[in-house]
C-alpha atoms as a PDB file:
ATOM      1  CA  MET A   1       0.336   0.007  -0.302  1.00  0.00           C
ATOM      2  CA  MET A   2       1.341   2.978  -0.970  1.00  0.00           C
ATOM      3  CA  GLY A   3       1.901   6.075   1.743  1.00  0.00           C
ATOM      4  CA  HIS A   4       0.203   9.399   1.888  1.00  0.00           C
ATOM      5  CA  MET A   5       1.474  11.839  -0.956  1.00  0.00           C
ATOM      6  CA  PRO A   6       1.866  15.494   0.639  1.00  0.00           C
ATOM      7  CA  ALA A   7      -0.247  18.122  -1.731  1.00  0.00           C
ATOM      8  CA  ILE A   8       2.247  20.657  -3.708  1.00  0.00           C
ATOM      9  CA  PRO A   9       3.189  23.351  -0.904  1.00  0.00           C
ATOM     10  CA  HIS A  10       1.112  26.606  -2.046  1.00  0.00           C
ATOM     11  CA  SER A  11       4.115  28.773  -2.630  1.00  0.00           C
ATOM     12  CA  THR A  12       4.873  26.074  -5.435  1.00  0.00           C
ATOM     13  CA  ARG A  13       1.821  26.454  -7.000  1.00  0.00           C
ATOM     14  CA  SER A  14       1.836  30.112  -6.927  1.00  0.00           C
ATOM     15  CA  SER A  15       4.886  29.894  -8.589  1.00  0.00           C
ATOM     16  CA  ILE A  16       4.115  27.197 -11.164  1.00  0.00           C
ATOM     17  CA  THR A  17       1.065  29.412 -11.788  1.00  0.00           C
ATOM     18  CA  LEU A  18       2.542  32.748 -12.369  1.00  0.00           C
ATOM     19  CA  ARG A  19       5.759  31.052 -14.574  1.00  0.00           C
ATOM     20  CA  LEU A  20       2.587  29.366 -16.593  1.00  0.00           C
ATOM     21  CA  LEU A  21       0.664  32.302 -17.091  1.00  0.00           C
ATOM     22  CA  ASP A  22       3.911  34.823 -18.378  1.00  0.00           C
ATOM     23  CA  HIS A  23       4.698  31.808 -20.621  1.00  0.00           C
ATOM     24  CA  ALA A  24       1.448  31.564 -22.129  1.00  0.00           C
ATOM     25  CA  GLU A  25       1.297  35.544 -22.335  1.00  0.00           C
ATOM     26  CA  LYS A  26       4.506  34.974 -24.860  1.00  0.00           C
ATOM     27  CA  HIS A  27       3.685  32.055 -26.785  1.00  0.00           C
ATOM     28  CA  TRP A  28       0.297  30.799 -26.855  1.00  0.00           C
ATOM     29  CA  PRO A  29      -1.369  34.248 -28.259  1.00  0.00           C
ATOM     30  CA  GLN A  30      -4.611  32.189 -28.895  1.00  0.00           C
ATOM     31  CA  LEU A  31      -5.774  31.594 -25.599  1.00  0.00           C
ATOM     32  CA  ASP A  32      -7.267  33.989 -23.076  1.00  0.00           C
ATOM     33  CA  LYS A  33      -6.078  32.580 -20.117  1.00  0.00           C
ATOM     34  CA  ILE A  34      -4.600  29.045 -18.742  1.00  0.00           C
ATOM     35  CA  GLN A  35      -5.849  27.501 -15.808  1.00  0.00           C
ATOM     36  CA  VAL A  36      -4.015  25.553 -12.818  1.00  0.00           C
ATOM     37  CA  THR A  37      -5.710  22.989 -10.756  1.00  0.00           C
ATOM     38  CA  CYS A  38      -3.783  21.158  -8.064  1.00  0.00           C
ATOM     39  CA  ARG A  39      -4.816  17.523  -6.633  1.00  0.00           C
ATOM     40  CA  SER A  40      -2.029  15.912  -4.068  1.00  0.00           C
ATOM     41  CA  THR A  41       1.109  16.032  -6.232  1.00  0.00           C
ATOM     42  CA  PHE A  42      -0.510  17.097  -9.644  1.00  0.00           C
ATOM     43  CA  ALA A  43      -0.962  20.627 -11.038  1.00  0.00           C
ATOM     44  CA  TYR A  44      -3.132  19.757 -14.020  1.00  0.00           C
ATOM     45  CA  VAL A  45      -2.842  22.710 -16.482  1.00  0.00           C
ATOM     46  CA  ALA A  46      -5.632  23.521 -19.164  1.00  0.00           C
ATOM     47  CA  GLY A  47      -5.890  26.206 -21.868  1.00  0.00           C
ATOM     48  CA  VAL A  48      -9.053  28.648 -22.104  1.00  0.00           C
ATOM     49  CA  LEU A  49      -9.978  30.033 -25.513  1.00  0.00           C
ATOM     50  CA  PRO A  50     -11.955  33.117 -25.712  1.00  0.00           C
ATOM     51  CA  GLY A  51     -15.097  31.050 -25.916  1.00  0.00           C
ATOM     52  CA  GLY A  52     -14.377  29.809 -22.339  1.00  0.00           C
ATOM     53  CA  GLU A  53     -13.612  26.400 -23.702  1.00  0.00           C
ATOM     54  CA  GLN A  54     -11.138  24.882 -21.769  1.00  0.00           C
ATOM     55  CA  LEU A  55      -8.185  22.709 -23.672  1.00  0.00           C
ATOM     56  CA  PRO A  56      -6.429  20.259 -21.236  1.00  0.00           C
ATOM     57  CA  LEU A  57      -3.526  20.288 -21.678  1.00  0.00           C
ATOM     58  CA  PHE A  58      -0.725  18.918 -19.541  1.00  0.00           C
ATOM     59  CA  ARG A  59      -0.001  17.645 -16.401  1.00  0.00           C
ATOM     60  CA  LEU A  60       3.006  17.975 -13.480  1.00  0.00           C
ATOM     61  CA  ARG A  61       4.057  15.827 -10.983  1.00  0.00           C
ATOM     62  CA  SER A  62       5.665  17.233  -7.733  1.00  0.00           C
ATOM     63  CA  SER A  63       9.312  15.464  -7.513  1.00  0.00           C
ATOM     64  CA  GLY A  64       9.074  17.216  -3.836  1.00  0.00           C
ATOM     65  CA  SER A  65      11.293  20.138  -5.686  1.00  0.00           C
ATOM     66  CA  ALA A  66      10.047  23.370  -6.541  1.00  0.00           C
ATOM     67  CA  HIS A  67      12.355  22.854  -9.713  1.00  0.00           C
ATOM     68  CA  CYS A  68      12.204  19.589 -10.372  1.00  0.00           C
ATOM     69  CA  PHE A  69       8.678  18.053 -12.179  1.00  0.00           C
ATOM     70  CA  GLY A  70       7.193  15.132 -14.291  1.00  0.00           C
ATOM     71  CA  PHE A  71       5.193  15.999 -16.901  1.00  0.00           C
ATOM     72  CA  ALA A  72       2.567  14.252 -19.242  1.00  0.00           C
ATOM     73  CA  ILE A  73       1.081  15.794 -22.454  1.00  0.00           C
ATOM     74  CA  TYR A  74      -2.421  15.228 -22.722  1.00  0.00           C
ATOM     75  CA  SER A  75      -3.773  13.540 -25.993  1.00  0.00           C
ATOM     76  CA  ALA A  76      -6.232  16.137 -28.176  1.00  0.00           C
ATOM     77  CA  TRP A  77      -8.163  12.624 -29.545  1.00  0.00           C
ATOM     78  CA  PRO A  78     -11.658  13.291 -28.849  1.00  0.00           C
ATOM     79  CA  ARG A  79     -12.759  10.701 -26.071  1.00  0.00           C
ATOM     80  CA  GLY A  80     -15.138   8.045 -27.501  1.00  0.00           C
ATOM     81  CA  GLN A  81     -13.485   7.890 -30.737  1.00  0.00           C
ATOM     82  CA  SER A  82     -11.454   5.412 -32.060  1.00  0.00           C
ATOM     83  CA  ARG A  83      -7.785   6.228 -32.778  1.00  0.00           C
ATOM     84  CA  PRO A  84      -5.161   4.740 -35.077  1.00  0.00           C
ATOM     85  CA  GLU A  85      -2.900   3.799 -32.463  1.00  0.00           C
ATOM     86  CA  PRO A  86      -3.887   3.665 -29.590  1.00  0.00           C
ATOM     87  CA  ASP A  87      -1.337   4.179 -26.162  1.00  0.00           C
ATOM     88  CA  ALA A  88      -1.433   1.971 -23.419  1.00  0.00           C
ATOM     89  CA  GLY A  89      -1.077   4.594 -21.227  1.00  0.00           C
ATOM     90  CA  GLY A  90      -4.729   6.014 -21.481  1.00  0.00           C
ATOM     91  CA  ARG A  91      -4.864   9.808 -22.113  1.00  0.00           C
ATOM     92  CA  TRP A  92      -1.675  10.750 -21.800  1.00  0.00           C
ATOM     93  CA  LEU A  93       0.383  10.583 -25.125  1.00  0.00           C
ATOM     94  CA  CYS A  94       3.931  11.573 -23.820  1.00  0.00           C
ATOM     95  CA  ARG A  95       5.377  11.476 -19.947  1.00  0.00           C
ATOM     96  CA  GLY A  96       8.985  12.959 -18.951  1.00  0.00           C
ATOM     97  CA  ARG A  97      10.903  15.256 -16.579  1.00  0.00           C
ATOM     98  CA  LEU A  98      11.422  18.497 -16.087  1.00  0.00           C
ATOM     99  CA  ARG A  99      14.547  20.621 -14.835  1.00  0.00           C
ATOM    100  CA  PRO A 100      15.982  23.858 -14.534  1.00  0.00           C
ATOM    101  CA  GLY A 101      17.995  24.278 -17.499  1.00  0.00           C
ATOM    102  CA  SER A 102      15.916  22.640 -19.990  1.00  0.00           C
ATOM    103  CA  ARG A 103      15.313  23.905 -23.090  1.00  0.00           C
ATOM    104  CA  GLY A 104      11.900  23.999 -24.662  1.00  0.00           C
END
């Protein structure tokens, strides 16, 4: 049985949100805003279009450090439709780790 996973600290949640807002403003002009929802060790990030439609973008997973996160990119393929090549991991298209100094 897994132990209790601590929530992302408030200071780290604020930092993540501010960094993502800054990035979205510079690189995602088609979005009206972004929305960050934190649950346990995860931060779920969605883009919000001008009409209010929300697009799930990716998920961050805290490693316990404010500067190192795991990430998973949300698959944009519509639910309920067959995929040409279904991924074994469910809705997440890609997974990896983010560390300071990463490019992208």
